[in-house]
Structure formats: structure tokens, C-alpha cells
Protein backbone atom coordinates (compact mmCIF):
# COMPACT_ATOMS: atom_id res chain seq x y z
CA MET A 1 128.10 85.49 92.12
CA ARG A 2 128.51 86.06 95.64
CA GLN A 3 125.80 86.95 98.10
CA VAL A 4 126.86 90.26 100.03
CA ALA A 5 123.57 90.56 102.25
CA ILE A 6 120.06 89.44 102.71
CA ILE A 7 118.50 92.67 103.63
CA PRO A 8 115.25 92.12 105.87
CA TYR A 9 111.85 93.83 104.53
CA PRO A 10 108.47 92.18 105.51
CA GLN A 11 106.82 92.49 102.12
CA VAL A 12 109.81 91.13 99.91
CA LYS A 13 113.09 89.15 100.20
CA ILE A 14 115.93 91.65 99.08
CA THR A 15 119.22 90.07 98.37
CA LEU A 16 122.51 91.95 97.46
CA LEU A 17 124.83 89.98 95.17
CA ALA A 18 128.20 91.00 93.70
CA TRP A 19 129.06 89.97 90.06
CA ASN A 20 131.16 90.93 87.23
CA GLY A 21 131.63 94.73 88.36
CA LYS A 22 128.22 95.21 89.51
CA TYR A 23 126.02 94.75 92.57
CA LEU A 24 122.54 93.01 91.82
CA LEU A 25 120.01 94.12 93.85
CA LYS A 26 117.16 91.21 93.87
CA LEU A 27 113.65 91.68 95.14
CA GLU A 28 111.51 88.66 95.43
CA GLN A 29 107.78 88.20 96.23
CA GLY A 30 106.50 84.65 95.53
CA PRO A 31 107.22 83.56 92.26
CA LEU A 32 108.02 86.96 90.77
CA GLU A 33 111.30 88.85 91.04
CA GLN A 34 112.92 92.18 90.13
CA THR A 35 116.51 93.00 89.81
CA TYR A 36 118.57 96.24 89.65
CA LYS A 37 121.86 96.24 88.86
CA VAL A 38 124.27 99.13 90.27
CA ALA A 39 127.96 99.66 88.83
CA GLU A 40 130.51 99.34 91.36
CA LEU A 41 131.79 102.61 89.98
CA ASP A 42 128.49 104.43 91.06
CA MET A 43 128.96 103.46 94.60
CA ASN A 44 131.40 105.68 96.83
CA GLY A 45 133.24 103.12 98.65
CA VAL A 46 133.67 104.91 101.48
CA VAL A 47 131.22 102.37 103.56
CA PRO A 48 130.43 98.95 103.06
CA PRO A 49 128.27 97.96 99.67
CA ASP A 50 125.24 96.82 101.79
CA VAL A 51 125.37 100.05 103.77
CA GLU A 52 125.16 102.06 100.82
CA ILE A 53 122.29 99.74 99.13
CA ARG A 54 120.33 100.28 102.18
CA GLN A 55 120.27 104.08 101.42
CA ILE A 56 118.67 103.40 98.11
CA LEU A 57 116.14 101.17 99.54
CA ASP A 58 114.29 103.84 100.91
CA ASP A 59 110.48 104.12 101.71
CA GLU A 60 109.42 105.51 98.47
CA PHE A 61 111.69 103.06 96.24
CA LEU A 62 110.38 99.98 98.17
CA THR A 63 106.57 101.41 97.92
CA ALA A 64 107.08 101.54 94.13
CA ALA A 65 108.76 98.19 94.10
CA VAL A 66 105.63 96.42 96.19
CA ALA A 67 103.33 98.24 93.77
CA ARG A 68 105.12 96.97 90.59
CA PHE A 69 104.86 93.46 92.13
CA GLN A 70 101.14 93.63 92.47
CA ALA A 71 101.08 95.09 88.77
CA MET A 72 102.97 92.19 87.83
CA GLN A 73 100.85 89.52 89.43
CA GLN A 74 97.60 91.12 87.78
CA ASP A 75 99.44 91.16 84.20
CA LEU A 76 100.36 87.27 84.63
CA ARG A 77 96.77 86.67 85.74
CA ALA A 78 95.23 88.40 83.10
CA ALA A 79 97.70 86.58 80.44
CA PHE A 80 96.50 83.38 81.98
CA ALA A 81 93.07 84.20 81.79
CA ARG A 82 93.39 85.12 78.01
CA HIS A 83 94.85 81.97 77.28
CA GLU A 84 92.43 79.81 79.44
CA LEU A 85 95.31 78.49 81.37
CA ARG A 86 95.09 77.83 85.16
């Protein structure tokens, strides 16, 4: 697995990785992460992959991803509470 780029964004850490014919777009916020796989064949190959991936990371996508992190955190807290864990 090769790290292609770290893409700055204030609310999440975004890492672009290349692995096995795919680009992995990894978003991290604290202990949670979301990973999206994009096949190399789905990219046009005209510009570097990090430039193309930045087009995917538009405001709508990132706003939804941040909201998803909030939902994930709520789900985890609820599961802990149901089982009386910390």
C-alpha cells in the first residue's frame, strides 16, 4: 500500500492510498474512519490521481461524510450505553 497524498481538511484527516488497482480514500476523525475505494479504471488518468480525487471531495461529499461521522459516534455511544460500558 502506497500513500499518494494527504489532503488537508479541517474536520477530518484525509489520506489517499494506492493499493491493488484501487485508490483508497481514507477519512479519519478521532477513533472513527470511513474508507472509499475507487478503481484506477474509473479515473481518467489525464491528471494525477490526487487532483482527480480532490474533485470528488467537494463540499457536498465532505459535509455528508462529517455528518456520517457524527452518526457513527452516536451509534457507538448508544451501543456502549446499552451494554453499560464506558
